[in-house]
Amino acid sequence: MTTVLSGALPFAPLVGGAAAGYLQGGSRTDGLRVGTVSGLFAVIPAAIVFTLVFSFVTTVLVGTGEVAAPAIFGFFFAVVALFVVVFVVGLSAVGGWLGNYVRYETDIDV
């Protein structure tokens, strides 16, 4: 769900984690755990697409002589990749906790 919605919703990992936490049941810790796993699975396609696009852009810029230091791009890649992983996995974990909360502590039936 996170991978499909990420193009349209900025906080899609939260929605995907909430769906996973709601459907999993169990305790809040179980909701947090299943949300984290949901985020880890969702970050795999995002990482593949990001790597392909970044490699293409870097190759084009280095090939045309527009970039003097490819190491700067490597550092930028690492920082952005770390941010994306923390963002997706973190929001999915929070969503898992919230989904579990909605299931057991509210009167909302989904």
PDB file of N, CA and C in Angstrom:
ATOM      1  N   MET A   1       0.822  -1.177   0.000  1.00  0.00           N
ATOM      2  CA  MET A   1       0.000   0.000   0.000  1.00  0.00           C
ATOM      3  C   MET A   1       0.873   1.250   0.000  1.00  0.00           C
ATOM      4  N   THR A   2       1.933   1.259   0.761  1.00  0.00           N
ATOM      5  CA  THR A   2       2.822   2.413   0.841  1.00  0.00           C
ATOM      6  C   THR A   2       3.464   2.692  -0.505  1.00  0.00           C
ATOM      7  N   THR A   3       3.930   1.655  -1.178  1.00  0.00           N
ATOM      8  CA  THR A   3       4.603   1.836  -2.459  1.00  0.00           C
ATOM      9  C   THR A   3       3.646   2.389  -3.506  1.00  0.00           C
ATOM     10  N   VAL A   4       2.410   1.927  -3.516  1.00  0.00           N
ATOM     11  CA  VAL A   4       1.434   2.380  -4.508  1.00  0.00           C
ATOM     12  C   VAL A   4       1.020   3.821  -4.238  1.00  0.00           C
ATOM     13  N   LEU A   5       0.800   4.166  -2.991  1.00  0.00           N
ATOM     14  CA  LEU A   5       0.305   5.499  -2.652  1.00  0.00           C
ATOM     15  C   LEU A   5       1.391   6.571  -2.575  1.00  0.00           C
ATOM     16  N   SER A   6       2.655   6.176  -2.554  1.00  0.00           N
ATOM     17  CA  SER A   6       3.712   7.162  -2.318  1.00  0.00           C
ATOM     18  C   SER A   6       3.809   8.210  -3.417  1.00  0.00           C
ATOM     19  N   GLY A   7       3.328   7.921  -4.617  1.00  0.00           N
ATOM     20  CA  GLY A   7       3.338   8.923  -5.673  1.00  0.00           C
ATOM     21  C   GLY A   7       2.278   9.986  -5.492  1.00  0.00           C
ATOM     22  N   ALA A   8       1.222   9.679  -4.753  1.00  0.00           N
ATOM     23  CA  ALA A   8       0.109  10.612  -4.608  1.00  0.00           C
ATOM     24  C   ALA A   8       0.018  11.239  -3.220  1.00  0.00           C
ATOM     25  N   LEU A   9       0.410  10.513  -2.194  1.00  0.00           N
ATOM     26  CA  LEU A   9       0.299  11.008  -0.823  1.00  0.00           C
ATOM     27  C   LEU A   9       1.680  11.217  -0.212  1.00  0.00           C
ATOM     28  N   PRO A  10       1.935  12.380   0.359  1.00  0.00           N
ATOM     29  CA  PRO A  10       3.248  12.605   0.953  1.00  0.00           C
ATOM     30  C   PRO A  10       3.503  11.749   2.193  1.00  0.00           C
ATOM     31  N   PHE A  11       2.460  11.397   2.913  1.00  0.00           N
ATOM     32  CA  PHE A  11       2.637  10.592   4.118  1.00  0.00           C
ATOM     33  C   PHE A  11       2.073   9.189   3.926  1.00  0.00           C
ATOM     34  N   ALA A  12       2.312   8.620   2.757  1.00  0.00           N
ATOM     35  CA  ALA A  12       1.833   7.270   2.437  1.00  0.00           C
ATOM     36  C   ALA A  12       2.388   6.209   3.386  1.00  0.00           C
ATOM     37  N   PRO A  13       3.642   6.310   3.870  1.00  0.00           N
ATOM     38  CA  PRO A  13       4.112   5.303   4.820  1.00  0.00           C
ATOM     39  C   PRO A  13       3.274   5.249   6.093  1.00  0.00           C
ATOM     40  N   LEU A  14       2.758   6.383   6.505  1.00  0.00           N
ATOM     41  CA  LEU A  14       1.898   6.421   7.687  1.00  0.00           C
ATOM     42  C   LEU A  14       0.609   5.651   7.431  1.00  0.00           C
ATOM     43  N   VAL A  15       0.037   5.812   6.256  1.00  0.00           N
ATOM     44  CA  VAL A  15      -1.202   5.111   5.900  1.00  0.00           C
ATOM     45  C   VAL A  15      -0.937   3.611   5.779  1.00  0.00           C
ATOM     46  N   GLY A  16       0.150   3.245   5.105  1.00  0.00           N
ATOM     47  CA  GLY A  16       0.482   1.830   4.955  1.00  0.00           C
ATOM     48  C   GLY A  16       0.770   1.154   6.283  1.00  0.00           C
ATOM     49  N   GLY A  17       1.503   1.825   7.150  1.00  0.00           N
ATOM     50  CA  GLY A  17       1.778   1.276   8.477  1.00  0.00           C
ATOM     51  C   GLY A  17       0.519   1.163   9.314  1.00  0.00           C
ATOM     52  N   ALA A  18      -0.380   2.147   9.178  1.00  0.00           N
ATOM     53  CA  ALA A  18      -1.634   2.099   9.929  1.00  0.00           C
ATOM     54  C   ALA A  18      -2.489   0.924   9.476  1.00  0.00           C
ATOM     55  N   ALA A  19      -2.525   0.671   8.179  1.00  0.00           N
ATOM     56  CA  ALA A  19      -3.286  -0.476   7.678  1.00  0.00           C
ATOM     57  C   ALA A  19      -2.691  -1.780   8.192  1.00  0.00           C
ATOM     58  N   ALA A  20      -1.383  -1.871   8.186  1.00  0.00           N
ATOM     59  CA  ALA A  20      -0.728  -3.085   8.677  1.00  0.00           C
ATOM     60  C   ALA A  20      -0.969  -3.264  10.174  1.00  0.00           C
ATOM     61  N   GLY A  21      -0.846  -2.197  10.947  1.00  0.00           N
ATOM     62  CA  GLY A  21      -1.063  -2.282  12.389  1.00  0.00           C
ATOM     63  C   GLY A  21      -2.497  -2.597  12.743  1.00  0.00           C
ATOM     64  N   TYR A  22      -3.438  -2.057  11.985  1.00  0.00           N
ATOM     65  CA  TYR A  22      -4.847  -2.323  12.228  1.00  0.00           C
ATOM     66  C   TYR A  22      -5.171  -3.786  11.938  1.00  0.00           C
ATOM     67  N   LEU A  23      -4.663  -4.288  10.843  1.00  0.00           N
ATOM     68  CA  LEU A  23      -4.969  -5.665  10.453  1.00  0.00           C
ATOM     69  C   LEU A  23      -4.225  -6.698  11.290  1.00  0.00           C
ATOM     70  N   GLN A  24      -3.061  -6.344  11.808  1.00  0.00           N
ATOM     71  CA  GLN A  24      -2.259  -7.287  12.596  1.00  0.00           C
ATOM     72  C   GLN A  24      -2.910  -7.620  13.928  1.00  0.00           C
ATOM     73  N   GLY A  25      -3.394  -6.617  14.617  1.00  0.00           N
ATOM     74  CA  GLY A  25      -3.955  -6.851  15.946  1.00  0.00           C
ATOM     75  C   GLY A  25      -2.845  -6.992  16.971  1.00  0.00           C
ATOM     76  N   GLY A  26      -3.124  -7.687  18.044  1.00  0.00           N
ATOM     77  CA  GLY A  26      -2.112  -7.882  19.084  1.00  0.00           C
ATOM     78  C   GLY A  26      -1.965  -6.657  19.959  1.00  0.00           C
ATOM     79  N   SER A  27      -0.767  -6.478  20.492  1.00  0.00           N
ATOM     80  CA  SER A  27      -0.495  -5.343  21.381  1.00  0.00           C
ATOM     81  C   SER A  27       0.058  -4.174  20.572  1.00  0.00           C
ATOM     82  N   ARG A  28       0.293  -3.047  21.259  1.00  0.00           N
ATOM     83  CA  ARG A  28       0.871  -1.884  20.584  1.00  0.00           C
ATOM     84  C   ARG A  28       2.270  -2.191  20.069  1.00  0.00           C
ATOM     85  N   THR A  29       3.009  -3.016  20.800  1.00  0.00           N
ATOM     86  CA  THR A  29       4.343  -3.403  20.354  1.00  0.00           C
ATOM     87  C   THR A  29       4.259  -4.192  19.050  1.00  0.00           C
ATOM     88  N   ASP A  30       3.249  -5.047  18.933  1.00  0.00           N
ATOM     89  CA  ASP A  30       3.056  -5.787  17.685  1.00  0.00           C
ATOM     90  C   ASP A  30       2.714  -4.841  16.536  1.00  0.00           C
ATOM     91  N   GLY A  31       1.906  -3.829  16.808  1.00  0.00           N
ATOM     92  CA  GLY A  31       1.581  -2.840  15.788  1.00  0.00           C
ATOM     93  C   GLY A  31       2.809  -2.061  15.352  1.00  0.00           C
ATOM     94  N   LEU A  32       3.639  -1.690  16.305  1.00  0.00           N
ATOM     95  CA  LEU A  32       4.883  -0.988  15.996  1.00  0.00           C
ATOM     96  C   LEU A  32       5.801  -1.869  15.170  1.00  0.00           C
ATOM     97  N   ARG A  33       5.898  -3.130  15.535  1.00  0.00           N
ATOM     98  CA  ARG A  33       6.772  -4.069  14.826  1.00  0.00           C
ATOM     99  C   ARG A  33       6.298  -4.306  13.397  1.00  0.00           C
ATOM    100  N   VAL A  34       5.009  -4.540  13.220  1.00  0.00           N
ATOM    101  CA  VAL A  34       4.501  -4.804  11.876  1.00  0.00           C
ATOM    102  C   VAL A  34       4.567  -3.535  11.011  1.00  0.00           C
ATOM    103  N   GLY A  35       4.413  -2.368  11.603  1.00  0.00           N
ATOM    104  CA  GLY A  35       4.591  -1.121  10.858  1.00  0.00           C
ATOM    105  C   GLY A  35       6.024  -0.937  10.395  1.00  0.00           C
ATOM    106  N   THR A  36       6.972  -1.284  11.245  1.00  0.00           N
ATOM    107  CA  THR A  36       8.382  -1.192  10.875  1.00  0.00           C
ATOM    108  C   THR A  36       8.706  -2.145   9.734  1.00  0.00           C
ATOM    109  N   VAL A  37       8.219  -3.364   9.827  1.00  0.00           N
ATOM    110  CA  VAL A  37       8.462  -4.334   8.753  1.00  0.00           C
ATOM    111  C   VAL A  37       7.804  -3.873   7.459  1.00  0.00           C
ATOM    112  N   SER A  38       6.612  -3.303   7.562  1.00  0.00           N
ATOM    113  CA  SER A  38       5.935  -2.756   6.393  1.00  0.00           C
ATOM    114  C   SER A  38       6.784  -1.666   5.736  1.00  0.00           C
ATOM    115  N   GLY A  39       7.378  -0.811   6.545  1.00  0.00           N
ATOM    116  CA  GLY A  39       8.239   0.246   6.018  1.00  0.00           C
ATOM    117  C   GLY A  39       9.497  -0.301   5.376  1.00  0.00           C
ATOM    118  N   LEU A  40      10.067  -1.340   5.961  1.00  0.00           N
ATOM    119  CA  LEU A  40      11.269  -1.939   5.376  1.00  0.00           C
ATOM    120  C   LEU A  40      10.972  -2.554   4.010  1.00  0.00           C
ATOM    121  N   PHE A  41       9.815  -3.193   3.886  1.00  0.00           N
ATOM    122  CA  PHE A  41       9.440  -3.743   2.590  1.00  0.00           C
ATOM    123  C   PHE A  41       9.112  -2.640   1.585  1.00  0.00           C
ATOM    124  N   ALA A  42       8.546  -1.550   2.042  1.00  0.00           N
ATOM    125  CA  ALA A  42       8.172  -0.455   1.147  1.00  0.00           C
ATOM    126  C   ALA A  42       9.386   0.324   0.665  1.00  0.00           C
ATOM    127  N   VAL A  43      10.456   0.337   1.430  1.00  0.00           N
ATOM    128  CA  VAL A  43      11.619   1.127   1.053  1.00  0.00           C
ATOM    129  C   VAL A  43      12.445   0.422  -0.036  1.00  0.00           C
ATOM    130  N   ILE A  44      12.264  -0.860  -0.222  1.00  0.00           N
ATOM    131  CA  ILE A  44      13.050  -1.594  -1.221  1.00  0.00           C
ATOM    132  C   ILE A  44      12.770  -1.088  -2.635  1.00  0.00           C
ATOM    133  N   PRO A  45      11.507  -1.013  -3.096  1.00  0.00           N
ATOM    134  CA  PRO A  45      11.286  -0.472  -4.450  1.00  0.00           C
ATOM    135  C   PRO A  45      11.705   0.991  -4.572  1.00  0.00           C
ATOM    136  N   ALA A  46      11.492   1.753  -3.529  1.00  0.00           N
ATOM    137  CA  ALA A  46      11.900   3.163  -3.562  1.00  0.00           C
ATOM    138  C   ALA A  46      13.413   3.288  -3.707  1.00  0.00           C
ATOM    139  N   ALA A  47      14.152   2.437  -3.017  1.00  0.00           N
ATOM    140  CA  ALA A  47      15.612   2.470  -3.105  1.00  0.00           C
ATOM    141  C   ALA A  47      16.092   2.074  -4.501  1.00  0.00           C
ATOM    142  N   ILE A  48      15.430   1.104  -5.096  1.00  0.00           N
ATOM    143  CA  ILE A  48      15.822   0.673  -6.446  1.00  0.00           C
ATOM    144  C   ILE A  48      15.593   1.797  -7.454  1.00  0.00           C
ATOM    145  N   VAL A  49      14.424   2.421  -7.417  1.00  0.00           N
ATOM    146  CA  VAL A  49      14.122   3.505  -8.349  1.00  0.00           C
ATOM    147  C   VAL A  49      15.040   4.693  -8.100  1.00  0.00           C
ATOM    148  N   PHE A  50      15.260   5.047  -6.840  1.00  0.00           N
ATOM    149  CA  PHE A  50      16.140   6.163  -6.510  1.00  0.00           C
ATOM    150  C   PHE A  50      17.560   5.915  -7.009  1.00  0.00           C
ATOM    151  N   THR A  51      18.052   4.706  -6.830  1.00  0.00           N
ATOM    152  CA  THR A  51      19.403   4.378  -7.278  1.00  0.00           C
ATOM    153  C   THR A  51      19.519   4.459  -8.798  1.00  0.00           C
ATOM    154  N   LEU A  52      18.539   3.948  -9.514  1.00  0.00           N
ATOM    155  CA  LEU A  52      18.574   4.010 -10.977  1.00  0.00           C
ATOM    156  C   LEU A  52      18.532   5.452 -11.485  1.00  0.00           C
ATOM    157  N   VAL A  53      17.645   6.250 -10.943  1.00  0.00           N
ATOM    158  CA  VAL A  53      17.548   7.640 -11.373  1.00  0.00           C
ATOM    159  C   VAL A  53      18.813   8.410 -11.010  1.00  0.00           C
ATOM    160  N   PHE A  54      19.308   8.215  -9.806  1.00  0.00           N
ATOM    161  CA  PHE A  54      20.505   8.923  -9.370  1.00  0.00           C
ATOM    162  C   PHE A  54      21.708   8.516 -10.212  1.00  0.00           C
ATOM    163  N   SER A  55      21.828   7.228 -10.524  1.00  0.00           N
ATOM    164  CA  SER A  55      22.940   6.756 -11.357  1.00  0.00           C
ATOM    165  C   SER A  55      22.873   7.350 -12.751  1.00  0.00           C
ATOM    166  N   PHE A  56      21.685   7.413 -13.316  1.00  0.00           N
ATOM    167  CA  PHE A  56      21.520   7.991 -14.643  1.00  0.00           C
ATOM    168  C   PHE A  56      21.901   9.470 -14.649  1.00  0.00           C
ATOM    169  N   VAL A  57      21.403  10.219 -13.692  1.00  0.00           N
ATOM    170  CA  VAL A  57      21.691  11.652 -13.633  1.00  0.00           C
ATOM    171  C   VAL A  57      23.177  11.893 -13.413  1.00  0.00           C
ATOM    172  N   THR A  58      23.787  11.142 -12.530  1.00  0.00           N
ATOM    173  CA  THR A  58      25.217  11.298 -12.264  1.00  0.00           C
ATOM    174  C   THR A  58      26.036  10.954 -13.501  1.00  0.00           C
ATOM    175  N   THR A  59      25.673   9.889 -14.196  1.00  0.00           N
ATOM    176  CA  THR A  59      26.406   9.487 -15.396  1.00  0.00           C
ATOM    177  C   THR A  59      26.304  10.554 -16.484  1.00  0.00           C
ATOM    178  N   VAL A  60      25.134  11.105 -16.659  1.00  0.00           N
ATOM    179  CA  VAL A  60      24.953  12.142 -17.674  1.00  0.00           C
ATOM    180  C   VAL A  60      25.760  13.385 -17.316  1.00  0.00           C
ATOM    181  N   LEU A  61      25.702  13.802 -16.054  1.00  0.00           N
ATOM    182  CA  LEU A  61      26.428  15.016 -15.659  1.00  0.00           C
ATOM    183  C   LEU A  61      27.935  14.831 -15.692  1.00  0.00           C
ATOM    184  N   VAL A  62      28.413  13.669 -15.262  1.00  0.00           N
ATOM    185  CA  VAL A  62      29.855  13.421 -15.289  1.00  0.00           C
ATOM    186  C   VAL A  62      30.315  13.255 -16.730  1.00  0.00           C
ATOM    187  N   GLY A  63      29.509  12.600 -17.555  1.00  0.00           N
ATOM    188  CA  GLY A  63      29.870  12.384 -18.954  1.00  0.00           C
ATOM    189  C   GLY A  63      29.938  13.662 -19.758  1.00  0.00           C
ATOM    190  N   THR A  64      29.159  14.657 -19.405  1.00  0.00           N
ATOM    191  CA  THR A  64      29.180  15.921 -20.135  1.00  0.00           C
ATOM    192  C   THR A  64      30.199  16.904 -19.570  1.00  0.00           C
ATOM    193  N   GLY A  65      30.839  16.540 -18.487  1.00  0.00           N
ATOM    194  CA  GLY A  65      31.847  17.413 -17.899  1.00  0.00           C
ATOM    195  C   GLY A  65      31.277  18.501 -17.019  1.00  0.00           C
ATOM    196  N   GLU A  66      30.011  18.404 -16.666  1.00  0.00           N
ATOM    197  CA  GLU A  66      29.367  19.425 -15.844  1.00  0.00           C
ATOM    198  C   GLU A  66      29.714  19.314 -14.363  1.00  0.00           C
ATOM    199  N   VAL A  67      30.201  18.163 -13.934  1.00  0.00           N
ATOM    200  CA  VAL A  67      30.466  17.937 -12.525  1.00  0.00           C
ATOM    201  C   VAL A  67      31.962  17.732 -12.331  1.00  0.00           C
ATOM    202  N   ALA A  68      32.535  18.482 -11.408  1.00  0.00           N
ATOM    203  CA  ALA A  68      33.969  18.381 -11.166  1.00  0.00           C
ATOM    204  C   ALA A  68      34.308  17.320 -10.131  1.00  0.00           C
ATOM    205  N   ALA A  69      33.402  17.066  -9.192  1.00  0.00           N
ATOM    206  CA  ALA A  69      33.713  16.144  -8.102  1.00  0.00           C
ATOM    207  C   ALA A  69      32.596  15.116  -7.925  1.00  0.00           C
ATOM    208  N   PRO A  70      32.741  13.914  -8.510  1.00  0.00           N
ATOM    209  CA  PRO A  70      31.720  12.885  -8.323  1.00  0.00           C
ATOM    210  C   PRO A  70      31.564  12.439  -6.865  1.00  0.00           C
ATOM    211  N   ALA A  71      32.574  12.676  -6.052  1.00  0.00           N
ATOM    212  CA  ALA A  71      32.483  12.303  -4.637  1.00  0.00           C
ATOM    213  C   ALA A  71      31.382  13.099  -3.933  1.00  0.00           C
ATOM    214  N   ILE A  72      31.138  14.305  -4.387  1.00  0.00           N
ATOM    215  CA  ILE A  72      30.063  15.111  -3.805  1.00  0.00           C
ATOM    216  C   ILE A  72      28.723  14.429  -4.051  1.00  0.00           C
ATOM    217  N   PHE A  73      28.566  13.864  -5.240  1.00  0.00           N
ATOM    218  CA  PHE A  73      27.327  13.148  -5.540  1.00  0.00           C
ATOM    219  C   PHE A  73      27.192  11.890  -4.694  1.00  0.00           C
ATOM    220  N   GLY A  74      28.298  11.214  -4.429  1.00  0.00           N
ATOM    221  CA  GLY A  74      28.248  10.038  -3.561  1.00  0.00           C
ATOM    222  C   GLY A  74      27.802  10.397  -2.156  1.00  0.00           C
ATOM    223  N   PHE A  75      28.332  11.480  -1.625  1.00  0.00           N
ATOM    224  CA  PHE A  75      27.928  11.945  -0.297  1.00  0.00           C
ATOM    225  C   PHE A  75      26.455  12.354  -0.300  1.00  0.00           C
ATOM    226  N   PHE A  76      26.041  13.084  -1.323  1.00  0.00           N
ATOM    227  CA  PHE A  76      24.645  13.505  -1.440  1.00  0.00           C
ATOM    228  C   PHE A  76      23.726  12.290  -1.527  1.00  0.00           C
ATOM    229  N   PHE A  77      24.116  11.285  -2.288  1.00  0.00           N
ATOM    230  CA  PHE A  77      23.346  10.055  -2.414  1.00  0.00           C
ATOM    231  C   PHE A  77      23.175   9.385  -1.060  1.00  0.00           C
ATOM    232  N   ALA A  78      24.255   9.284  -0.292  1.00  0.00           N
ATOM    233  CA  ALA A  78      24.196   8.629   1.021  1.00  0.00           C
ATOM    234  C   ALA A  78      23.275   9.388   1.979  1.00  0.00           C
ATOM    235  N   VAL A  79      23.359  10.698   1.979  1.00  0.00           N
ATOM    236  CA  VAL A  79      22.530  11.505   2.884  1.00  0.00           C
ATOM    237  C   VAL A  79      21.050  11.384   2.513  1.00  0.00           C
ATOM    238  N   VAL A  80      20.749  11.482   1.238  1.00  0.00           N
ATOM    239  CA  VAL A  80      19.350  11.389   0.803  1.00  0.00           C
ATOM    240  C   VAL A  80      18.812   9.989   1.047  1.00  0.00           C
ATOM    241  N   ALA A  81      19.600   8.968   0.760  1.00  0.00           N
ATOM    242  CA  ALA A  81      19.152   7.588   0.981  1.00  0.00           C
ATOM    243  C   ALA A  81      18.871   7.340   2.460  1.00  0.00           C
ATOM    244  N   LEU A  82      19.727   7.822   3.341  1.00  0.00           N
ATOM    245  CA  LEU A  82      19.507   7.653   4.776  1.00  0.00           C
ATOM    246  C   LEU A  82      18.239   8.378   5.219  1.00  0.00           C
ATOM    247  N   PHE A  83      18.023   9.580   4.706  1.00  0.00           N
ATOM    248  CA  PHE A  83      16.812  10.321   5.048  1.00  0.00           C
ATOM    249  C   PHE A  83      15.563   9.573   4.595  1.00  0.00           C
ATOM    250  N   VAL A  84      15.584   9.039   3.380  1.00  0.00           N
ATOM    251  CA  VAL A  84      14.417   8.324   2.849  1.00  0.00           C
ATOM    252  C   VAL A  84      14.120   7.082   3.684  1.00  0.00           C
ATOM    253  N   VAL A  85      15.154   6.335   4.047  1.00  0.00           N
ATOM    254  CA  VAL A  85      14.948   5.126   4.847  1.00  0.00           C
ATOM    255  C   VAL A  85      14.367   5.482   6.215  1.00  0.00           C
ATOM    256  N   VAL A  86      14.927   6.479   6.865  1.00  0.00           N
ATOM    257  CA  VAL A  86      14.429   6.881   8.188  1.00  0.00           C
ATOM    258  C   VAL A  86      13.004   7.417   8.076  1.00  0.00           C
ATOM    259  N   PHE A  87      12.716   8.188   7.053  1.00  0.00           N
ATOM    260  CA  PHE A  87      11.381   8.753   6.858  1.00  0.00           C
ATOM    261  C   PHE A  87      10.355   7.653   6.635  1.00  0.00           C
ATOM    262  N   VAL A  88      10.621   6.748   5.705  1.00  0.00           N
ATOM    263  CA  VAL A  88       9.645   5.713   5.357  1.00  0.00           C
ATOM    264  C   VAL A  88       9.465   4.723   6.503  1.00  0.00           C
ATOM    265  N   VAL A  89      10.551   4.227   7.058  1.00  0.00           N
ATOM    266  CA  VAL A  89      10.443   3.235   8.131  1.00  0.00           C
ATOM    267  C   VAL A  89       9.874   3.870   9.398  1.00  0.00           C
ATOM    268  N   GLY A  90      10.285   5.084   9.705  1.00  0.00           N
ATOM    269  CA  GLY A  90       9.775   5.765  10.896  1.00  0.00           C
ATOM    270  C   GLY A  90       8.282   6.044  10.817  1.00  0.00           C
ATOM    271  N   LEU A  91       7.842   6.580   9.683  1.00  0.00           N
ATOM    272  CA  LEU A  91       6.410   6.843   9.535  1.00  0.00           C
ATOM    273  C   LEU A  91       5.592   5.558   9.504  1.00  0.00           C
ATOM    274  N   SER A  92       6.130   4.509   8.926  1.00  0.00           N
ATOM    275  CA  SER A  92       5.416   3.230   8.912  1.00  0.00           C
ATOM    276  C   SER A  92       5.279   2.669  10.325  1.00  0.00           C
ATOM    277  N   ALA A  93       6.316   2.808  11.132  1.00  0.00           N
ATOM    278  CA  ALA A  93       6.254   2.330  12.516  1.00  0.00           C
ATOM    279  C   ALA A  93       5.213   3.114  13.312  1.00  0.00           C
ATOM    280  N   VAL A  94       5.213   4.429  13.146  1.00  0.00           N
ATOM    281  CA  VAL A  94       4.208   5.250  13.830  1.00  0.00           C
ATOM    282  C   VAL A  94       2.810   4.889  13.339  1.00  0.00           C
ATOM    283  N   GLY A  95       2.669   4.670  12.037  1.00  0.00           N
ATOM    284  CA  GLY A  95       1.379   4.263  11.491  1.00  0.00           C
ATOM    285  C   GLY A  95       0.921   2.919  12.032  1.00  0.00           C
ATOM    286  N   GLY A  96       1.852   1.971  12.209  1.00  0.00           N
ATOM    287  CA  GLY A  96       1.498   0.679  12.795  1.00  0.00           C
ATOM    288  C   GLY A  96       0.983   0.824  14.209  1.00  0.00           C
ATOM    289  N   TRP A  97       1.627   1.682  14.976  1.00  0.00           N
ATOM    290  CA  TRP A  97       1.180   1.927  16.352  1.00  0.00           C
ATOM    291  C   TRP A  97      -0.200   2.566  16.348  1.00  0.00           C
ATOM    292  N   LEU A  98      -0.403   3.559  15.472  1.00  0.00           N
ATOM    293  CA  LEU A  98      -1.694   4.240  15.402  1.00  0.00           C
ATOM    294  C   LEU A  98      -2.800   3.310  14.905  1.00  0.00           C
ATOM    295  N   GLY A  99      -2.484   2.453  13.949  1.00  0.00           N
ATOM    296  CA  GLY A  99      -3.474   1.500  13.469  1.00  0.00           C
ATOM    297  C   GLY A  99      -3.922   0.551  14.558  1.00  0.00           C
ATOM    298  N   ASN A 100      -2.983   0.102  15.361  1.00  0.00           N
ATOM    299  CA  ASN A 100      -3.320  -0.761  16.491  1.00  0.00           C
ATOM    300  C   ASN A 100      -4.153   0.004  17.514  1.00  0.00           C
ATOM    301  N   TYR A 101      -3.809   1.255  17.745  1.00  0.00           N
ATOM    302  CA  TYR A 101      -4.567   2.090  18.680  1.00  0.00           C
ATOM    303  C   TYR A 101      -6.009   2.256  18.206  1.00  0.00           C
ATOM    304  N   VAL A 102      -6.183   2.545  16.929  1.00  0.00           N
ATOM    305  CA  VAL A 102      -7.530   2.736  16.382  1.00  0.00           C
ATOM    306  C   VAL A 102      -8.343   1.459  16.510  1.00  0.00           C
ATOM    307  N   ARG A 103      -7.718   0.326  16.306  1.00  0.00           N
ATOM    308  CA  ARG A 103      -8.451  -0.941  16.364  1.00  0.00           C
ATOM    309  C   ARG A 103      -8.972  -1.247  17.763  1.00  0.00           C
ATOM    310  N   TYR A 104      -8.150  -0.998  18.788  1.00  0.00           N
ATOM    311  CA  TYR A 104      -8.517  -1.439  20.130  1.00  0.00           C
ATOM    312  C   TYR A 104      -9.015  -0.342  21.067  1.00  0.00           C
ATOM    313  N   GLU A 105      -8.707   0.905  20.802  1.00  0.00           N
ATOM    314  CA  GLU A 105      -9.050   1.962  21.759  1.00  0.00           C
ATOM    315  C   GLU A 105     -10.134   2.917  21.268  1.00  0.00           C
ATOM    316  N   THR A 106     -10.603   2.755  20.058  1.00  0.00           N
ATOM    317  CA  THR A 106     -11.661   3.627  19.561  1.00  0.00           C
ATOM    318  C   THR A 106     -12.845   2.783  19.096  1.00  0.00           C
ATOM    319  N   ASP A 107     -13.923   3.460  18.787  1.00  0.00           N
ATOM    320  CA  ASP A 107     -15.126   2.771  18.311  1.00  0.00           C
ATOM    321  C   ASP A 107     -15.218   2.781  16.783  1.00  0.00           C
ATOM    322  N   ILE A 108     -14.127   3.121  16.110  1.00  0.00           N
ATOM    323  CA  ILE A 108     -14.116   3.191  14.657  1.00  0.00           C
ATOM    324  C   ILE A 108     -14.002   1.785  14.082  1.00  0.00           C
ATOM    325  N   ASP A 109     -14.942   1.435  13.216  1.00  0.00           N
ATOM    326  CA  ASP A 109     -14.876   0.154  12.505  1.00  0.00           C
ATOM    327  C   ASP A 109     -14.479   0.427  11.069  1.00  0.00           C
ATOM    328  N   VAL A 110     -13.400  -0.195  10.656  1.00  0.00           N
ATOM    329  CA  VAL A 110     -12.930   0.014   9.283  1.00  0.00           C
ATOM    330  C   VAL A 110     -13.220  -1.216   8.469  1.00  0.00           C
TER     331      VAL A 110
END
